[in-house]
Protein backbone atom coordinates (compact mmCIF):
# COMPACT_ATOMS: atom_id res chain seq x y z
CA MET A 1 0.09 0.21 -0.03
CA GLU A 2 1.26 3.30 -0.69
CA LEU A 3 2.09 5.83 1.81
CA ILE A 4 0.00 8.58 0.57
CA ASP A 5 -2.43 7.65 -2.48
CA ASP A 6 -3.29 9.74 -5.75
CA ASP A 7 -5.99 11.25 -3.91
CA GLY A 8 -2.94 13.13 -1.25
CA ASP A 9 -4.58 10.60 1.54
CA LEU A 10 -2.18 9.27 3.61
CA PHE A 11 -2.57 5.48 4.12
CA GLY A 12 -5.87 5.93 1.76
CA VAL A 13 -7.66 6.93 4.90
CA ILE A 14 -7.03 10.68 5.77
CA ASN A 15 -6.19 13.37 4.22
CA VAL A 16 -2.16 14.73 4.88
CA VAL A 17 -3.20 18.35 5.65
CA ASP A 18 -5.86 17.04 8.10
CA ALA A 19 -3.55 14.64 9.52
CA LEU A 20 -0.82 17.72 10.37
CA VAL A 21 -3.81 19.79 11.60
CA VAL A 22 -4.20 16.99 14.27
CA LEU A 23 -0.76 16.39 14.95
CA LEU A 24 -0.62 20.27 15.87
CA VAL A 25 -3.35 20.36 18.19
CA LEU A 26 -2.01 17.41 20.14
CA ALA A 27 1.57 19.19 20.53
CA VAL A 28 -0.09 22.24 21.59
CA GLY A 29 -2.17 20.10 24.05
CA VAL A 30 0.84 18.39 25.55
CA ALA A 31 2.57 21.52 25.93
CA GLY A 32 -0.38 23.11 27.99
CA VAL A 33 -0.64 20.24 30.13
CA ALA A 34 3.34 19.73 30.79
CA LEU A 35 3.28 23.66 31.76
CA VAL A 36 -0.06 23.57 33.70
CA PHE A 37 1.33 20.29 35.97
CA SER A 38 5.09 21.35 36.25
CA GLU A 39 6.77 23.23 39.21
CA ASP A 40 7.65 26.65 39.03
CA PRO A 41 11.72 26.90 39.05
CA GLU A 42 13.88 27.56 42.07
CA PRO A 43 14.68 31.24 42.28
CA GLU A 44 18.16 31.80 42.26
CA PRO A 45 19.37 32.67 46.10
CA ASP A 46 20.51 36.24 46.80
CA LEU A 47 24.49 35.79 47.67
CA ASP A 48 26.46 38.77 49.65
CA SER A 49 29.85 38.40 51.67
CA THR A 50 31.45 39.74 54.18
CA TYR A 51 35.02 38.86 56.26
CA ALA A 52 35.95 37.14 59.48
CA THR A 53 39.03 36.11 61.41
CA LEU A 54 39.69 32.40 61.56
CA ASP A 55 41.80 31.33 64.34
CA VAL A 56 43.27 27.98 63.16
CA GLY A 57 45.44 27.40 66.21
CA LEU A 58 48.63 25.72 66.66
CA GLN A 59 49.41 23.58 63.25
CA PRO A 60 53.31 22.21 62.19
CA ALA A 61 55.00 23.90 59.92
CA TYR A 62 54.48 21.41 57.00
CA ILE A 63 50.71 22.49 57.09
CA VAL A 64 51.72 26.36 57.25
CA GLU A 65 54.04 26.06 54.33
CA ALA A 66 50.60 25.08 52.23
CA VAL A 67 48.91 27.75 53.24
CA ASN A 68 48.65 30.95 51.24
CA GLU A 69 46.08 34.21 50.29
CA GLY A 70 43.71 32.67 47.56
CA ASP A 71 42.97 29.53 48.68
CA THR A 72 39.42 28.76 48.61
CA TYR A 73 36.87 25.95 49.89
CA SER A 74 33.11 25.23 48.96
CA PRO A 75 31.30 23.44 51.69
CA ASN A 76 27.85 23.72 49.51
CA ASP A 77 26.83 25.29 46.04
CA VAL A 78 26.15 28.74 47.63
CA SER A 79 28.91 28.68 50.49
CA THR A 80 32.61 29.74 49.57
CA MET A 81 35.38 30.86 51.55
CA THR A 82 38.59 32.60 50.31
CA VAL A 83 41.37 33.37 52.22
CA THR A 84 42.21 36.86 52.24
CA ASP A 85 45.23 37.55 54.84
CA VAL A 86 47.59 35.13 56.63
CA HIS A 87 49.42 35.80 59.71
CA LEU A 88 51.73 33.47 61.85
CA THR A 89 53.52 33.39 65.04
CA PRO A 90 55.63 31.00 66.96
CA ARG A 91 53.71 29.16 69.60
CA GLY A 92 56.88 26.52 71.05
CA ASN A 93 57.74 24.05 67.91
CA ASP A 94 54.79 24.66 66.37
CA ILE A 95 53.20 27.76 64.52
CA GLY A 96 50.00 30.01 65.52
CA VAL A 97 47.93 30.91 62.53
CA VAL A 98 45.36 33.32 62.09
CA LEU A 99 43.51 33.81 59.15
CA ARG A 100 41.31 36.50 57.34
CA VAL A 101 38.75 34.78 55.14
CA GLU A 102 36.09 36.19 52.65
CA LEU A 103 33.04 34.10 53.23
CA GLU A 104 30.00 34.30 50.73
CA GLY A 105 26.82 32.80 51.29
CA GLU A 106 23.30 33.28 50.94
CA LEU A 107 22.09 36.81 52.21
CA GLY A 108 18.90 36.66 54.61
CA ASP A 109 15.88 38.53 54.64
CA ASP A 110 17.10 40.10 57.71
CA GLY A 111 20.49 41.23 55.97
CA SER A 112 22.40 38.64 57.56
CA ILE A 113 24.84 36.19 55.72
CA ALA A 114 24.23 32.57 56.20
CA TYR A 115 27.55 30.26 55.67
CA ASP A 116 26.76 26.60 55.05
CA GLU A 117 23.50 27.28 56.22
CA GLY A 118 24.43 28.86 59.29
CA PRO A 119 24.75 32.34 60.86
CA LEU A 120 28.20 33.53 61.39
CA ARG A 121 28.41 33.77 65.09
CA LEU A 122 31.45 34.74 67.27
CA GLY A 123 33.05 31.23 68.20
CA ARG A 124 31.61 28.80 65.66
CA SER A 125 33.80 26.27 63.98
CA LEU A 126 34.85 26.58 60.37
CA ALA A 127 36.02 24.20 58.13
CA LEU A 128 39.01 24.78 55.42
CA ASN A 129 39.86 21.65 52.98
CA THR A 130 41.32 22.19 50.04
CA ASP A 131 43.34 19.92 47.89
CA ARG A 132 46.42 20.34 49.62
CA TYR A 133 45.09 20.43 53.70
CA GLN A 134 42.60 20.27 56.13
CA LEU A 135 41.94 23.28 58.79
CA ASN A 136 39.39 23.91 61.20
CA GLY A 137 39.27 27.34 63.09
CA ARG A 138 37.01 29.16 64.95
CA ILE A 139 35.69 32.95 64.36
CA ARG A 140 37.41 35.60 66.44
CA ALA A 141 35.93 38.67 64.77
CA VAL A 142 33.24 39.40 61.67
CA GLY A 143 33.88 42.72 59.57
CA ASP A 144 34.40 44.83 56.52
CA ASP A 145 38.50 44.36 55.85
CA ASP A 146 40.18 41.98 54.29
CA ALA A 147 43.27 42.10 56.23
CA LEU A 148 43.95 41.45 59.59
CA GLU A 149 44.66 44.59 61.79
CA ARG A 150 48.65 44.57 62.28
CA GLU A 151 50.73 46.83 64.09
CA PRO A 152 54.49 46.41 64.79
CA ALA A 153 55.25 46.67 68.22
CA THR A 154 58.76 47.12 69.36
CA VAL A 155 59.83 45.29 72.49
CA VAL A 156 62.87 44.82 75.18
CA VAL A 157 63.39 41.10 75.43
CA ARG A 158 65.56 40.01 78.66
CA ASP A 159 66.94 36.57 78.59
CA THR A 160 70.08 34.81 79.80
CA LEU A 161 71.51 32.47 77.08
CA ALA A 162 75.10 30.98 76.55
CA THR A 163 77.96 32.85 75.69
CA ALA A 164 78.52 31.40 72.64
CA THR A 165 74.88 31.56 72.02
CA ALA A 166 74.57 35.56 72.39
CA GLU A 167 77.56 36.59 70.15
CA GLU A 168 75.46 35.15 67.45
CA ILE A 169 72.71 37.86 68.00
CA ALA A 170 73.09 40.63 65.60
CA GLY A 171 70.80 43.58 64.52
CA GLY A 172 69.09 42.99 61.08
CA ASP A 173 68.43 39.17 62.10
CA GLU A 174 64.86 37.94 61.00
CA VAL A 175 62.81 35.49 62.40
CA ARG A 176 61.09 33.62 60.04
CA LEU A 177 57.78 31.40 59.54
CA ALA A 178 56.98 29.67 56.63
CA GLY A 179 58.86 32.14 54.64
CA ARG A 180 57.38 34.92 56.22
CA THR A 181 59.25 37.55 58.73
CA VAL A 182 57.19 37.38 62.07
CA ALA A 183 60.24 39.56 64.10
CA THR A 184 63.22 41.44 63.38
CA ILE A 185 66.46 42.05 65.94
CA GLU A 186 67.17 45.64 65.88
CA ASN A 187 69.88 45.89 68.34
CA VAL A 188 71.36 43.89 71.38
CA THR A 189 73.36 44.64 74.51
CA GLN A 190 75.22 41.43 76.62
CA PHE A 191 76.19 42.17 80.13
CA ALA A 192 78.40 39.17 82.10
CA THR A 193 77.15 37.25 84.87
CA ASN A 194 78.49 35.29 87.71
CA ASP A 195 78.99 32.16 85.06
CA PRO A 196 81.57 33.14 82.89
CA ASP A 197 79.69 30.64 80.15
CA ARG A 198 76.57 32.63 80.30
CA ARG A 199 75.70 36.32 79.21
CA ARG A 200 72.93 38.09 80.02
CA VAL A 201 71.41 39.71 76.92
CA PHE A 202 68.70 42.54 76.37
CA VAL A 203 67.40 42.25 72.38
CA ALA A 204 65.31 45.24 71.49
CA ALA A 205 62.81 43.29 68.54
CA THR A 206 60.11 44.50 66.27
CA LEU A 207 56.95 42.42 66.49
CA GLN A 208 54.80 41.89 63.58
CA THR A 209 51.66 41.49 65.83
CA HIS A 210 47.88 41.45 65.24
CA ARG A 211 45.17 43.20 66.74
CA GLN A 212 42.34 41.16 68.76
CA SER A 213 39.89 43.11 71.08
CA ASP A 214 41.94 45.43 72.59
CA ASP A 215 45.18 43.77 72.78
CA ARG A 216 48.20 43.61 70.72
CA ARG A 217 49.10 39.86 70.46
CA PHE A 218 51.90 38.10 69.24
CA GLY A 219 52.83 34.50 70.00
CA GLY A 220 49.31 33.93 71.36
CA ASN A 221 49.82 36.17 74.21
CA PRO A 222 49.19 39.98 75.05
CA VAL A 223 52.61 42.05 73.94
CA ARG A 224 52.86 43.75 77.73
CA ARG A 225 55.65 44.05 79.88
CA GLY A 226 56.42 40.80 82.03
CA GLN A 227 55.07 38.49 79.38
CA ASN A 228 57.53 35.56 77.75
CA VAL A 229 58.03 35.89 74.43
CA ARG A 230 59.90 32.94 72.00
CA LEU A 231 62.12 34.54 69.40
CA SER A 232 63.99 31.84 67.11
CA THR A 233 65.93 32.20 64.15
CA GLY A 234 67.96 29.54 62.40
CA ASP A 235 71.42 29.78 64.69
CA TYR A 236 69.56 30.86 68.02
CA THR A 237 66.32 30.80 70.37
CA ILE A 238 65.65 33.68 72.70
CA ASP A 239 62.86 32.75 75.32
CA GLY A 240 62.80 35.59 77.64
CA ARG A 241 60.25 38.16 79.28
CA ILE A 242 59.09 41.50 77.71
CA GLU A 243 60.99 44.22 79.66
CA ARG A 244 59.49 47.36 77.94
CA VAL A 245 57.08 47.94 75.25
CA GLY A 246 58.23 51.02 72.77
CA GLY A 247 60.65 52.71 72.45
CA GLN A 248 64.41 51.72 71.77
CA LEU A 249 67.25 49.90 73.41
CA GLN A 250 68.74 52.30 75.63
CA LEU A 251 70.41 50.26 78.55
CA GLY A 252 73.07 52.40 80.64
CA SER A 253 72.04 55.82 79.24
CA ALA A 254 69.60 56.89 81.78
CA SER A 255 71.90 58.57 84.57
CA THR A 256 75.32 57.53 86.42
CA ARG A 257 75.75 56.59 89.85
CA THR A 258 78.74 56.55 92.08
CA VAL A 259 79.25 52.90 93.55
CA THR A 260 81.29 51.51 96.06
CA LEU A 261 82.24 48.04 96.03
CA ARG A 262 83.95 45.37 98.06
CA MET A 263 85.57 41.54 97.72
CA ASP A 264 86.59 39.76 100.45
CA ASP A 265 89.00 37.21 100.60
CA VAL A 266 90.80 37.96 97.09
CA ARG A 267 94.50 36.50 96.09
CA ASP A 268 96.98 38.94 95.60
CA ASP A 269 97.78 38.21 91.98
CA MET A 270 93.76 39.10 91.28
CA ALA A 271 94.19 42.06 93.30
CA ASP A 272 96.87 43.26 91.43
CA ALA A 273 94.99 43.00 88.11
CA ILE A 274 92.36 45.34 88.89
CA ASP A 275 93.62 49.23 88.25
CA PRO A 276 91.86 52.67 88.02
CA GLY A 277 89.83 53.40 84.35
CA MET A 278 89.24 49.75 83.46
CA ALA A 279 85.67 49.55 82.49
CA GLU A 280 83.18 47.13 80.57
CA GLU A 281 81.72 48.34 77.58
CA ALA A 282 78.50 47.01 75.88
CA GLY A 283 77.36 48.12 72.61
CA GLY A 284 79.44 50.60 72.45
CA ASP A 285 78.81 52.23 75.56
CA THR A 286 80.95 52.52 78.90
CA VAL A 287 78.68 50.92 81.27
CA ALA A 288 80.84 50.76 84.06
CA ARG A 289 84.53 51.79 84.91
CA VAL A 290 86.59 51.67 87.98
CA THR A 291 87.66 55.27 89.16
CA ALA A 292 89.99 54.00 92.48
CA VAL A 293 90.76 50.66 94.16
CA ASP A 294 91.67 50.31 97.75
CA THR A 295 93.99 46.99 98.55
CA ARG A 296 94.56 45.95 102.09
CA PRO A 297 95.09 42.39 103.36
CA SER A 298 92.69 40.45 104.75
CA LEU A 299 92.28 40.11 108.53
CA ILE A 300 92.30 36.92 109.84
CA ILE A 301 92.70 35.72 114.03
CA ALA A 302 95.59 33.61 114.84
CA THR A 303 96.48 31.75 117.99
CA GLY A 304 99.60 32.77 119.49
CA ASP A 305 102.21 29.57 121.42
CA ASN A 306 101.68 31.48 124.55
CA GLY A 307 97.80 30.81 123.60
CA THR A 308 96.70 34.07 122.83
CA VAL A 309 94.35 35.34 120.10
CA ASN A 310 96.03 38.06 117.50
CA VAL A 311 94.23 39.71 114.62
CA VAL A 312 97.34 39.64 112.00
CA ASP A 313 97.33 39.93 108.26
CA HIS A 314 96.49 37.23 105.43
CA PRO A 315 99.59 36.18 104.19
CA ILE A 316 97.78 35.84 100.64
CA ASP A 317 94.20 37.00 100.88
CA ARG A 318 93.25 40.50 100.25
CA GLU A 319 90.17 42.87 101.13
CA VAL A 320 89.53 45.38 97.58
CA THR A 321 87.77 48.37 97.66
CA LEU A 322 86.31 49.74 94.41
CA THR A 323 85.06 52.89 93.47
CA THR A 324 83.11 52.69 90.56
CA GLU A 325 80.70 54.87 88.35
CA LEU A 326 77.78 52.85 86.73
CA GLN A 327 75.43 53.85 84.24
CA VAL A 328 71.86 52.87 85.36
CA ARG A 329 68.07 53.15 84.97
CA GLU A 330 66.05 55.32 87.26
CA THR A 331 62.75 53.47 88.12
CA VAL A 332 60.06 53.84 90.87
CA SER A 333 61.72 51.42 92.77
CA GLY A 334 64.96 52.98 92.80
CA PRO A 335 67.97 52.47 90.20
CA ARG A 336 68.64 49.31 88.08
CA PHE A 337 72.21 48.27 86.56
CA LYS A 338 72.18 46.10 84.11
CA GLY A 339 68.24 45.25 84.51
CA ASP A 340 68.63 44.27 88.14
CA PRO A 341 67.66 46.50 91.32
CA LEU A 342 71.30 48.24 92.51
CA ARG A 343 71.10 48.16 96.47
CA GLN A 344 73.44 47.29 99.17
CA GLY A 345 74.19 43.81 99.98
CA ARG A 346 73.65 42.80 96.37
CA THR A 347 76.30 41.24 94.05
CA VAL A 348 77.08 42.67 90.62
CA THR A 349 79.53 41.12 87.87
CA LEU A 350 81.35 43.77 86.13
CA ASP A 351 83.40 42.40 83.22
CA LEU A 352 86.44 44.56 82.97
CA GLY A 353 88.49 42.87 79.92
CA THR A 354 91.11 40.89 81.37
CA VAL A 355 89.50 39.80 84.55
CA THR A 356 85.84 39.78 86.06
CA VAL A 357 84.88 41.48 89.13
CA ARG A 358 82.34 39.88 91.28
CA ALA A 359 81.42 42.49 94.24
CA THR A 360 78.92 43.14 97.06
CA VAL A 361 77.27 46.73 96.57
CA VAL A 362 78.49 48.87 99.87
CA ASN A 363 76.90 51.81 98.97
CA VAL A 364 74.85 53.95 96.14
CA SER A 365 75.12 57.46 96.10
CA GLY A 366 74.09 60.18 93.18
């Protein structure tokens, strides 16, 4: 049977034109039914973004080295986290990491942003998972800035180190973490101690701090007097206490005091080695100078053959009294020499180059 006969009928039954009309009507009907019964499409969500400070705590160096500005993470289709700033501080053998991140999420009717289906509350824990690392941190602040509020702080740090280690410290040394400079040594002053193998050091350093609430923080702690701070370079580690915040290292420049020192039972060769004019130098400054030396034999009590008790001169030992000019810093609690209180009865140590003197303070005058 022919598909279309001589009369133009389809299969000899229906006219081709009529068939096309029927098909058109059916197509329109099906489309209308689909339109009536189909669900309305979901409207596109309104998105917005803000910035937050994310404290991810202590991390090992190999993790920190992988974290960079521009890293992104999307926990779902409408939320995205992007790292915009990275702040590192030393904390023991690990590294403290604080991030500033941009959080994009759905904008609610009240104008708030929902990130990963939740509000951006302080203390909320957020994940940052990339193809190189996984981190979890807590929100410490939310605001409009894409960078952390940084503020360099110059501090004077006091520590006692091995002499060889102290001699390694120099201005310009940098404390670096994961390729980032977090502190710079500006200046250093060394003083002798009672142990010839140990030195007391005062280091002026500029710390790269960030502000959290009302505190400048470094190493997880507020930057203030009395706080411990750790500064580690490739050659040495300073683990000391902050003596002063702000200003420069100016030890021994506040005032000069005349101080009388005494040493008992000094061997005569040692006593003869101390002369007026000898001085201790530190950082190009004279911190102590001997202006006068009085040497007398030490006294001993001897018993004669007849039983008498006599006070006589010791054949070797000497009593040495030194008059010195010491560079001190005046404080509300009195003068301080090399960072320690200068009072009667205290022991001070002077490195006079060829001889080290350990003497007791007898008198302090202006």
